[in-house]
């Protein structure tokens, strides 16, 4: 049985499922290796126009699989090096692939997204949560380590420094209503509507040129480090490129051809 499953529908929406439902889809090296290979294939597949990531079963992802730790590594006091190597070769490359995916990405949070699962859930361009969903950043209070999988970058940008620090330091469970109030997710929907709504949003994003999506992502994420004048210049250069796309030319032509003109 694959640890990562997926389907591709007629509209070009690839839905990727973390497929370890018996253990709340925790991330082990084997799952992440499958995920990286699948993401590479989907990124290059011209039939894929948008990506939805979700979890099988009752939860989205409960973070890292601590049972993957080699007992000998623990006994030798090399746990830090083992974790660092795992992040270098598995966790971080997978997250970079998702963040830099060349087509729109939606995460559909079903149930709990805990630990590293929180960063995975929040990394998408658009995040949709079921009403049963929750995020819990457990690393600091439970394990005495920092949050990871990009949570320290994502949380303050989405919810502000105060809420980000509180979420990381306290490890409180943030339910779907809180996630929506804090701006951590775009919308909350009934559980049985989650994948339908995610697909609906994916179809809408898929109608936009993929390069426009990725350039928007880049501009939004660079805004905090840019002055207003810098952003105006970045926007100008991006518009020069995007306005030469067929999509923009067709829309302008459609506007010019309106009967009322």
C-alpha atoms as a PDB file:
ATOM      1  CA  UNK A   1       0.000   0.000   0.000  1.00  0.00           C
ATOM      2  CA  UNK A   2       1.428   3.398  -0.946  1.00  0.00           C
ATOM      3  CA  UNK A   3       2.126   5.792   1.913  1.00  0.00           C
ATOM      4  CA  UNK A   4       1.097   8.677  -0.344  1.00  0.00           C
ATOM      5  CA  UNK A   5      -1.913   8.213  -2.609  1.00  0.00           C
ATOM      6  CA  UNK A   6      -3.321  10.555  -5.228  1.00  0.00           C
ATOM      7  CA  UNK A   7      -6.047  11.025  -7.814  1.00  0.00           C
ATOM      8  CA  UNK A   8      -6.178  13.266 -10.891  1.00  0.00           C
ATOM      9  CA  UNK A   9      -9.572  14.391 -12.168  1.00  0.00           C
ATOM     10  CA  UNK A  10     -10.720  15.645 -15.551  1.00  0.00           C
ATOM     11  CA  UNK A  11     -10.172  19.282 -14.530  1.00  0.00           C
ATOM     12  CA  UNK A  12      -6.493  18.678 -13.798  1.00  0.00           C
ATOM     13  CA  UNK A  13      -6.878  18.771 -10.011  1.00  0.00           C
ATOM     14  CA  UNK A  14      -4.435  16.373  -8.342  1.00  0.00           C
ATOM     15  CA  UNK A  15      -5.534  15.423  -4.824  1.00  0.00           C
ATOM     16  CA  UNK A  16      -2.669  14.006  -2.756  1.00  0.00           C
ATOM     17  CA  UNK A  17      -3.475  11.981   0.363  1.00  0.00           C
ATOM     18  CA  UNK A  18      -1.070  11.251   3.203  1.00  0.00           C
ATOM     19  CA  UNK A  19      -1.908   7.585   3.635  1.00  0.00           C
ATOM     20  CA  UNK A  20      -0.941   6.402   7.130  1.00  0.00           C
ATOM     21  CA  UNK A  21      -4.357   6.862   8.667  1.00  0.00           C
ATOM     22  CA  UNK A  22      -3.715   4.287  11.399  1.00  0.00           C
ATOM     23  CA  UNK A  23      -1.088   6.615  12.927  1.00  0.00           C
ATOM     24  CA  UNK A  24      -2.626   9.989  11.986  1.00  0.00           C
ATOM     25  CA  UNK A  25      -0.391  10.236   8.912  1.00  0.00           C
ATOM     26  CA  UNK A  26       2.831  10.867  10.820  1.00  0.00           C
ATOM     27  CA  UNK A  27       5.832  11.524   8.609  1.00  0.00           C
ATOM     28  CA  UNK A  28       8.513   8.867   8.309  1.00  0.00           C
ATOM     29  CA  UNK A  29      11.372   8.741   5.767  1.00  0.00           C
ATOM     30  CA  UNK A  30       9.503   6.299   3.522  1.00  0.00           C
ATOM     31  CA  UNK A  31       6.410   8.503   3.279  1.00  0.00           C
ATOM     32  CA  UNK A  32       8.474  11.612   2.581  1.00  0.00           C
ATOM     33  CA  UNK A  33      10.480   9.825  -0.097  1.00  0.00           C
ATOM     34  CA  UNK A  34       7.229   8.845  -1.821  1.00  0.00           C
ATOM     35  CA  UNK A  35       5.912  12.384  -1.409  1.00  0.00           C
ATOM     36  CA  UNK A  36       8.993  13.963  -2.977  1.00  0.00           C
ATOM     37  CA  UNK A  37       8.884  11.624  -5.959  1.00  0.00           C
ATOM     38  CA  UNK A  38       5.174  12.220  -6.459  1.00  0.00           C
ATOM     39  CA  UNK A  39       5.517  15.999  -6.214  1.00  0.00           C
ATOM     40  CA  UNK A  40       8.280  15.916  -8.827  1.00  0.00           C
ATOM     41  CA  UNK A  41       6.075  13.917 -11.178  1.00  0.00           C
ATOM     42  CA  UNK A  42       3.032  16.141 -10.636  1.00  0.00           C
ATOM     43  CA  UNK A  43       5.067  19.322 -11.102  1.00  0.00           C
ATOM     44  CA  UNK A  44       6.188  18.127 -14.532  1.00  0.00           C
ATOM     45  CA  UNK A  45       2.846  16.656 -15.599  1.00  0.00           C
ATOM     46  CA  UNK A  46       1.167  19.119 -18.008  1.00  0.00           C
ATOM     47  CA  UNK A  47      -2.240  17.634 -17.160  1.00  0.00           C
ATOM     48  CA  UNK A  48      -1.923  18.798 -13.544  1.00  0.00           C
ATOM     49  CA  UNK A  49      -3.236  22.334 -13.094  1.00  0.00           C
ATOM     50  CA  UNK A  50      -3.594  22.527  -9.294  1.00  0.00           C
ATOM     51  CA  UNK A  51      -2.718  20.470  -6.218  1.00  0.00           C
ATOM     52  CA  UNK A  52      -4.770  19.627  -3.118  1.00  0.00           C
ATOM     53  CA  UNK A  53      -3.028  18.044  -0.107  1.00  0.00           C
ATOM     54  CA  UNK A  54      -5.016  16.301   2.611  1.00  0.00           C
ATOM     55  CA  UNK A  55      -4.846  13.314   4.949  1.00  0.00           C
ATOM     56  CA  UNK A  56      -6.607   9.974   4.911  1.00  0.00           C
ATOM     57  CA  UNK A  57      -8.693   9.060   7.926  1.00  0.00           C
ATOM     58  CA  UNK A  58      -9.435  11.227  10.952  1.00  0.00           C
ATOM     59  CA  UNK A  59      -6.382  13.492  10.891  1.00  0.00           C
ATOM     60  CA  UNK A  60      -4.283  15.576   8.535  1.00  0.00           C
ATOM     61  CA  UNK A  61      -0.823  14.893   9.972  1.00  0.00           C
ATOM     62  CA  UNK A  62       0.450  14.443  13.531  1.00  0.00           C
ATOM     63  CA  UNK A  63       4.019  15.478  12.694  1.00  0.00           C
ATOM     64  CA  UNK A  64       7.166  13.380  12.724  1.00  0.00           C
ATOM     65  CA  UNK A  65       7.111   9.658  13.381  1.00  0.00           C
ATOM     66  CA  UNK A  66       9.258   9.358  16.506  1.00  0.00           C
ATOM     67  CA  UNK A  67       9.223   5.567  16.226  1.00  0.00           C
ATOM     68  CA  UNK A  68      11.508   6.009  13.204  1.00  0.00           C
ATOM     69  CA  UNK A  69      14.359   6.921  15.568  1.00  0.00           C
ATOM     70  CA  UNK A  70      17.022   4.224  15.658  1.00  0.00           C
ATOM     71  CA  UNK A  71      17.451   3.133  19.344  1.00  0.00           C
ATOM     72  CA  UNK A  72      21.193   2.825  18.786  1.00  0.00           C
ATOM     73  CA  UNK A  73      21.292   6.451  17.686  1.00  0.00           C
ATOM     74  CA  UNK A  74      19.565   7.444  20.915  1.00  0.00           C
ATOM     75  CA  UNK A  75      21.913   5.338  23.031  1.00  0.00           C
ATOM     76  CA  UNK A  76      24.981   6.876  21.415  1.00  0.00           C
ATOM     77  CA  UNK A  77      23.784  10.412  22.090  1.00  0.00           C
ATOM     78  CA  UNK A  78      23.594  11.245  18.387  1.00  0.00           C
ATOM     79  CA  UNK A  79      19.912  12.073  18.278  1.00  0.00           C
ATOM     80  CA  UNK A  80      20.491  15.711  17.327  1.00  0.00           C
ATOM     81  CA  UNK A  81      22.622  14.710  14.337  1.00  0.00           C
ATOM     82  CA  UNK A  82      20.010  12.134  13.293  1.00  0.00           C
ATOM     83  CA  UNK A  83      17.205  14.703  13.436  1.00  0.00           C
ATOM     84  CA  UNK A  84      19.318  17.283  11.594  1.00  0.00           C
ATOM     85  CA  UNK A  85      20.117  14.790   8.841  1.00  0.00           C
ATOM     86  CA  UNK A  86      16.434  13.829   8.574  1.00  0.00           C
ATOM     87  CA  UNK A  87      15.502  17.480   8.169  1.00  0.00           C
ATOM     88  CA  UNK A  88      18.262  18.017   5.617  1.00  0.00           C
ATOM     89  CA  UNK A  89      17.415  15.010   3.456  1.00  0.00           C
ATOM     90  CA  UNK A  90      13.674  14.486   3.964  1.00  0.00           C
ATOM     91  CA  UNK A  91      11.584  17.083   5.800  1.00  0.00           C
ATOM     92  CA  UNK A  92      13.031  20.297   4.379  1.00  0.00           C
ATOM     93  CA  UNK A  93      13.315  19.170   0.744  1.00  0.00           C
ATOM     94  CA  UNK A  94       9.669  18.035   0.858  1.00  0.00           C
ATOM     95  CA  UNK A  95       8.565  21.385   2.273  1.00  0.00           C
ATOM     96  CA  UNK A  96      10.548  23.311  -0.331  1.00  0.00           C
ATOM     97  CA  UNK A  97       8.913  21.259  -3.076  1.00  0.00           C
ATOM     98  CA  UNK A  98       5.472  22.161  -1.745  1.00  0.00           C
ATOM     99  CA  UNK A  99       6.317  25.831  -1.231  1.00  0.00           C
ATOM    100  CA  UNK A 100       7.895  26.132  -4.697  1.00  0.00           C
ATOM    101  CA  UNK A 101       5.386  23.925  -6.501  1.00  0.00           C
ATOM    102  CA  UNK A 102       4.889  25.549  -9.918  1.00  0.00           C
ATOM    103  CA  UNK A 103       1.094  25.358  -9.747  1.00  0.00           C
ATOM    104  CA  UNK A 104      -1.428  26.477  -7.117  1.00  0.00           C
ATOM    105  CA  UNK A 105      -1.453  24.445  -3.894  1.00  0.00           C
ATOM    106  CA  UNK A 106      -4.379  24.034  -1.503  1.00  0.00           C
ATOM    107  CA  UNK A 107      -4.237  22.203   1.802  1.00  0.00           C
ATOM    108  CA  UNK A 108      -7.458  20.697   3.111  1.00  0.00           C
ATOM    109  CA  UNK A 109      -7.045  20.182   6.861  1.00  0.00           C
ATOM    110  CA  UNK A 110      -9.086  17.254   8.116  1.00  0.00           C
ATOM    111  CA  UNK A 111      -8.775  16.701  11.852  1.00  0.00           C
ATOM    112  CA  UNK A 112      -5.541  17.431  13.682  1.00  0.00           C
ATOM    113  CA  UNK A 113      -2.409  18.972  12.195  1.00  0.00           C
ATOM    114  CA  UNK A 114       0.138  18.741  14.994  1.00  0.00           C
ATOM    115  CA  UNK A 115       3.867  19.367  15.308  1.00  0.00           C
ATOM    116  CA  UNK A 116       5.444  19.350  11.878  1.00  0.00           C
ATOM    117  CA  UNK A 117       1.972  18.710  10.475  1.00  0.00           C
ATOM    118  CA  UNK A 118       1.113  22.325  11.324  1.00  0.00           C
ATOM    119  CA  UNK A 119       3.839  23.674   9.063  1.00  0.00           C
ATOM    120  CA  UNK A 120       2.804  21.244   6.335  1.00  0.00           C
ATOM    121  CA  UNK A 121      -0.823  22.365   6.586  1.00  0.00           C
ATOM    122  CA  UNK A 122      -0.027  26.090   6.494  1.00  0.00           C
ATOM    123  CA  UNK A 123       2.501  25.999   3.649  1.00  0.00           C
ATOM    124  CA  UNK A 124      -0.066  26.007   0.842  1.00  0.00           C
ATOM    125  CA  UNK A 125      -1.224  28.997  -1.185  1.00  0.00           C
ATOM    126  CA  UNK A 126      -4.742  28.498   0.169  1.00  0.00           C
ATOM    127  CA  UNK A 127      -5.673  26.662   3.381  1.00  0.00           C
ATOM    128  CA  UNK A 128      -9.160  25.274   3.964  1.00  0.00           C
ATOM    129  CA  UNK A 129     -10.134  23.629   7.249  1.00  0.00           C
ATOM    130  CA  UNK A 130     -12.903  21.249   8.192  1.00  0.00           C
ATOM    131  CA  UNK A 131     -14.830  22.278  11.297  1.00  0.00           C
ATOM    132  CA  UNK A 132     -13.267  19.321  13.103  1.00  0.00           C
ATOM    133  CA  UNK A 133      -9.776  20.532  12.167  1.00  0.00           C
ATOM    134  CA  UNK A 134      -7.238  21.862  14.651  1.00  0.00           C
ATOM    135  CA  UNK A 135      -3.611  22.906  14.698  1.00  0.00           C
ATOM    136  CA  UNK A 136      -1.328  22.226  17.644  1.00  0.00           C
ATOM    137  CA  UNK A 137       2.342  23.303  17.631  1.00  0.00           C
ATOM    138  CA  UNK A 138       3.644  20.874  20.214  1.00  0.00           C
ATOM    139  CA  UNK A 139       7.432  20.946  19.855  1.00  0.00           C
ATOM    140  CA  UNK A 140       8.306  23.606  22.442  1.00  0.00           C
ATOM    141  CA  UNK A 141       6.146  22.579  25.439  1.00  0.00           C
ATOM    142  CA  UNK A 142       6.119  18.827  24.849  1.00  0.00           C
ATOM    143  CA  UNK A 143       9.557  18.087  23.391  1.00  0.00           C
ATOM    144  CA  UNK A 144      11.704  21.054  24.414  1.00  0.00           C
ATOM    145  CA  UNK A 145      12.671  21.802  20.805  1.00  0.00           C
ATOM    146  CA  UNK A 146      11.589  24.533  18.412  1.00  0.00           C
ATOM    147  CA  UNK A 147       8.774  24.327  15.891  1.00  0.00           C
ATOM    148  CA  UNK A 148       9.890  23.293  12.423  1.00  0.00           C
ATOM    149  CA  UNK A 149       8.767  22.589   8.839  1.00  0.00           C
ATOM    150  CA  UNK A 150       8.586  26.343   8.336  1.00  0.00           C
ATOM    151  CA  UNK A 151       6.205  27.130  11.201  1.00  0.00           C
ATOM    152  CA  UNK A 152       8.454  29.920  12.538  1.00  0.00           C
ATOM    153  CA  UNK A 153       8.279  31.614   9.136  1.00  0.00           C
ATOM    154  CA  UNK A 154       4.624  30.937   8.381  1.00  0.00           C
ATOM    155  CA  UNK A 155       2.921  31.654  11.717  1.00  0.00           C
ATOM    156  CA  UNK A 156       4.051  35.280  12.273  1.00  0.00           C
ATOM    157  CA  UNK A 157       3.276  36.164   8.653  1.00  0.00           C
ATOM    158  CA  UNK A 158      -0.216  34.724   8.921  1.00  0.00           C
ATOM    159  CA  UNK A 159      -1.208  35.688  12.449  1.00  0.00           C
ATOM    160  CA  UNK A 160       1.352  38.171  13.826  1.00  0.00           C
ATOM    161  CA  UNK A 161       4.241  37.839  16.272  1.00  0.00           C
ATOM    162  CA  UNK A 162       2.177  37.656  19.457  1.00  0.00           C
ATOM    163  CA  UNK A 163      -0.080  34.867  18.300  1.00  0.00           C
ATOM    164  CA  UNK A 164       2.814  33.007  16.695  1.00  0.00           C
ATOM    165  CA  UNK A 165       4.822  33.069  19.918  1.00  0.00           C
ATOM    166  CA  UNK A 166       1.819  32.038  21.983  1.00  0.00           C
ATOM    167  CA  UNK A 167       0.974  29.167  19.653  1.00  0.00           C
ATOM    168  CA  UNK A 168       4.569  27.883  19.689  1.00  0.00           C
ATOM    169  CA  UNK A 169       5.378  28.399  23.373  1.00  0.00           C
ATOM    170  CA  UNK A 170       2.099  27.162  24.842  1.00  0.00           C
ATOM    171  CA  UNK A 171       1.177  24.454  22.355  1.00  0.00           C
ATOM    172  CA  UNK A 172      -2.530  25.128  22.804  1.00  0.00           C
ATOM    173  CA  UNK A 173      -4.959  23.408  20.467  1.00  0.00           C
ATOM    174  CA  UNK A 174      -6.194  25.972  17.945  1.00  0.00           C
ATOM    175  CA  UNK A 175      -9.615  24.831  16.786  1.00  0.00           C
ATOM    176  CA  UNK A 176     -11.125  25.616  13.401  1.00  0.00           C
ATOM    177  CA  UNK A 177     -12.952  28.711  14.646  1.00  0.00           C
ATOM    178  CA  UNK A 178      -9.726  30.123  16.084  1.00  0.00           C
ATOM    179  CA  UNK A 179      -7.814  29.294  12.909  1.00  0.00           C
ATOM    180  CA  UNK A 180     -10.356  31.267  10.918  1.00  0.00           C
ATOM    181  CA  UNK A 181     -10.416  34.198  13.362  1.00  0.00           C
ATOM    182  CA  UNK A 182      -6.605  34.419  13.352  1.00  0.00           C
ATOM    183  CA  UNK A 183      -6.381  34.318   9.574  1.00  0.00           C
ATOM    184  CA  UNK A 184      -4.446  31.061   9.569  1.00  0.00           C
ATOM    185  CA  UNK A 185      -6.923  29.524   7.134  1.00  0.00           C
ATOM    186  CA  UNK A 186      -8.935  31.001   4.290  1.00  0.00           C
ATOM    187  CA  UNK A 187     -12.200  29.368   5.342  1.00  0.00           C
ATOM    188  CA  UNK A 188     -13.761  26.666   7.491  1.00  0.00           C
ATOM    189  CA  UNK A 189     -16.354  24.314   6.060  1.00  0.00           C
ATOM    190  CA  UNK A 190     -18.417  21.379   7.233  1.00  0.00           C
ATOM    191  CA  UNK A 191     -16.405  18.175   7.339  1.00  0.00           C
ATOM    192  CA  UNK A 192     -18.335  16.494   4.533  1.00  0.00           C
ATOM    193  CA  UNK A 193     -17.794  19.553   2.315  1.00  0.00           C
ATOM    194  CA  UNK A 194     -14.019  19.818   2.799  1.00  0.00           C
ATOM    195  CA  UNK A 195     -12.763  18.094  -0.330  1.00  0.00           C
ATOM    196  CA  UNK A 196     -15.613  19.446  -2.450  1.00  0.00           C
ATOM    197  CA  UNK A 197     -14.762  23.008  -1.393  1.00  0.00           C
ATOM    198  CA  UNK A 198     -11.022  22.421  -1.812  1.00  0.00           C
ATOM    199  CA  UNK A 199     -11.606  21.111  -5.325  1.00  0.00           C
ATOM    200  CA  UNK A 200     -13.914  24.040  -6.128  1.00  0.00           C
ATOM    201  CA  UNK A 201     -11.223  26.499  -5.083  1.00  0.00           C
ATOM    202  CA  UNK A 202      -8.577  24.505  -6.953  1.00  0.00           C
ATOM    203  CA  UNK A 203     -10.591  24.671 -10.180  1.00  0.00           C
ATOM    204  CA  UNK A 204     -10.825  28.441  -9.829  1.00  0.00           C
ATOM    205  CA  UNK A 205      -7.079  28.797  -9.224  1.00  0.00           C
ATOM    206  CA  UNK A 206      -6.360  26.418 -12.109  1.00  0.00           C
ATOM    207  CA  UNK A 207      -8.045  28.864 -14.497  1.00  0.00           C
ATOM    208  CA  UNK A 208      -5.264  31.386 -13.799  1.00  0.00           C
ATOM    209  CA  UNK A 209      -1.866  31.002 -15.521  1.00  0.00           C
ATOM    210  CA  UNK A 210       0.437  29.047 -13.219  1.00  0.00           C
ATOM    211  CA  UNK A 211       3.195  31.654 -13.543  1.00  0.00           C
ATOM    212  CA  UNK A 212       0.784  34.310 -12.281  1.00  0.00           C
ATOM    213  CA  UNK A 213       0.110  32.210  -9.171  1.00  0.00           C
ATOM    214  CA  UNK A 214       3.799  31.668  -8.412  1.00  0.00           C
ATOM    215  CA  UNK A 215       4.691  35.322  -9.028  1.00  0.00           C
ATOM    216  CA  UNK A 216       1.877  36.421  -6.695  1.00  0.00           C
ATOM    217  CA  UNK A 217       3.211  34.017  -4.068  1.00  0.00           C
ATOM    218  CA  UNK A 218       6.702  35.494  -4.438  1.00  0.00           C
ATOM    219  CA  UNK A 219       5.534  39.112  -4.201  1.00  0.00           C
ATOM    220  CA  UNK A 220       3.366  38.504  -1.131  1.00  0.00           C
ATOM    221  CA  UNK A 221       6.153  36.648   0.669  1.00  0.00           C
ATOM    222  CA  UNK A 222       8.779  39.283  -0.138  1.00  0.00           C
ATOM    223  CA  UNK A 223       6.589  42.178   1.004  1.00  0.00           C
ATOM    224  CA  UNK A 224       7.790  42.172   4.628  1.00  0.00           C
ATOM    225  CA  UNK A 225      11.383  42.729   3.479  1.00  0.00           C
ATOM    226  CA  UNK A 226      10.516  45.318   0.814  1.00  0.00           C
ATOM    227  CA  UNK A 227       9.908  49.038   0.998  1.00  0.00           C
ATOM    228  CA  UNK A 228       6.824  50.408  -0.730  1.00  0.00           C
ATOM    229  CA  UNK A 229       8.979  51.773  -3.541  1.00  0.00           C
ATOM    230  CA  UNK A 230      10.742  48.414  -3.889  1.00  0.00           C
ATOM    231  CA  UNK A 231       7.417  46.627  -4.194  1.00  0.00           C
ATOM    232  CA  UNK A 232       6.205  49.032  -6.852  1.00  0.00           C
ATOM    233  CA  UNK A 233       9.302  48.240  -8.888  1.00  0.00           C
ATOM    234  CA  UNK A 234       8.936  44.488  -8.365  1.00  0.00           C
ATOM    235  CA  UNK A 235       5.309  44.713  -9.481  1.00  0.00           C
ATOM    236  CA  UNK A 236       6.298  46.688 -12.564  1.00  0.00           C
ATOM    237  CA  UNK A 237       8.834  44.086 -13.652  1.00  0.00           C
ATOM    238  CA  UNK A 238       6.448  41.197 -13.046  1.00  0.00           C
ATOM    239  CA  UNK A 239       3.667  42.922 -14.956  1.00  0.00           C
ATOM    240  CA  UNK A 240       5.990  43.445 -17.915  1.00  0.00           C
ATOM    241  CA  UNK A 241       6.510  39.683 -18.047  1.00  0.00           C
ATOM    242  CA  UNK A 242       2.945  38.568 -17.341  1.00  0.00           C
ATOM    243  CA  UNK A 243       1.259  41.001 -19.668  1.00  0.00           C
ATOM    244  CA  UNK A 244       2.998  39.281 -22.572  1.00  0.00           C
ATOM    245  CA  UNK A 245       1.192  36.036 -21.704  1.00  0.00           C
ATOM    246  CA  UNK A 246      -1.529  34.922 -24.092  1.00  0.00           C
ATOM    247  CA  UNK A 247      -4.037  34.946 -21.229  1.00  0.00           C
ATOM    248  CA  UNK A 248      -3.759  38.692 -20.644  1.00  0.00           C
ATOM    249  CA  UNK A 249      -3.840  39.488 -24.356  1.00  0.00           C
ATOM    250  CA  UNK A 250      -6.990  37.412 -24.784  1.00  0.00           C
ATOM    251  CA  UNK A 251      -8.707  39.147 -21.876  1.00  0.00           C
ATOM    252  CA  UNK A 252      -7.827  42.579 -23.254  1.00  0.00           C
ATOM    253  CA  UNK A 253      -9.110  41.565 -26.689  1.00  0.00           C
ATOM    254  CA  UNK A 254     -12.338  40.299 -25.135  1.00  0.00           C
ATOM    255  CA  UNK A 255     -12.762  43.628 -23.351  1.00  0.00           C
ATOM    256  CA  UNK A 256     -12.142  45.586 -26.545  1.00  0.00           C
ATOM    257  CA  UNK A 257     -14.650  43.479 -28.453  1.00  0.00           C
ATOM    258  CA  UNK A 258     -17.530  44.033 -26.021  1.00  0.00           C
ATOM    259  CA  UNK A 259     -20.689  45.087 -27.888  1.00  0.00           C
ATOM    260  CA  UNK A 260     -21.276  48.130 -25.674  1.00  0.00           C
ATOM    261  CA  UNK A 261     -17.988  49.689 -26.656  1.00  0.00           C
END
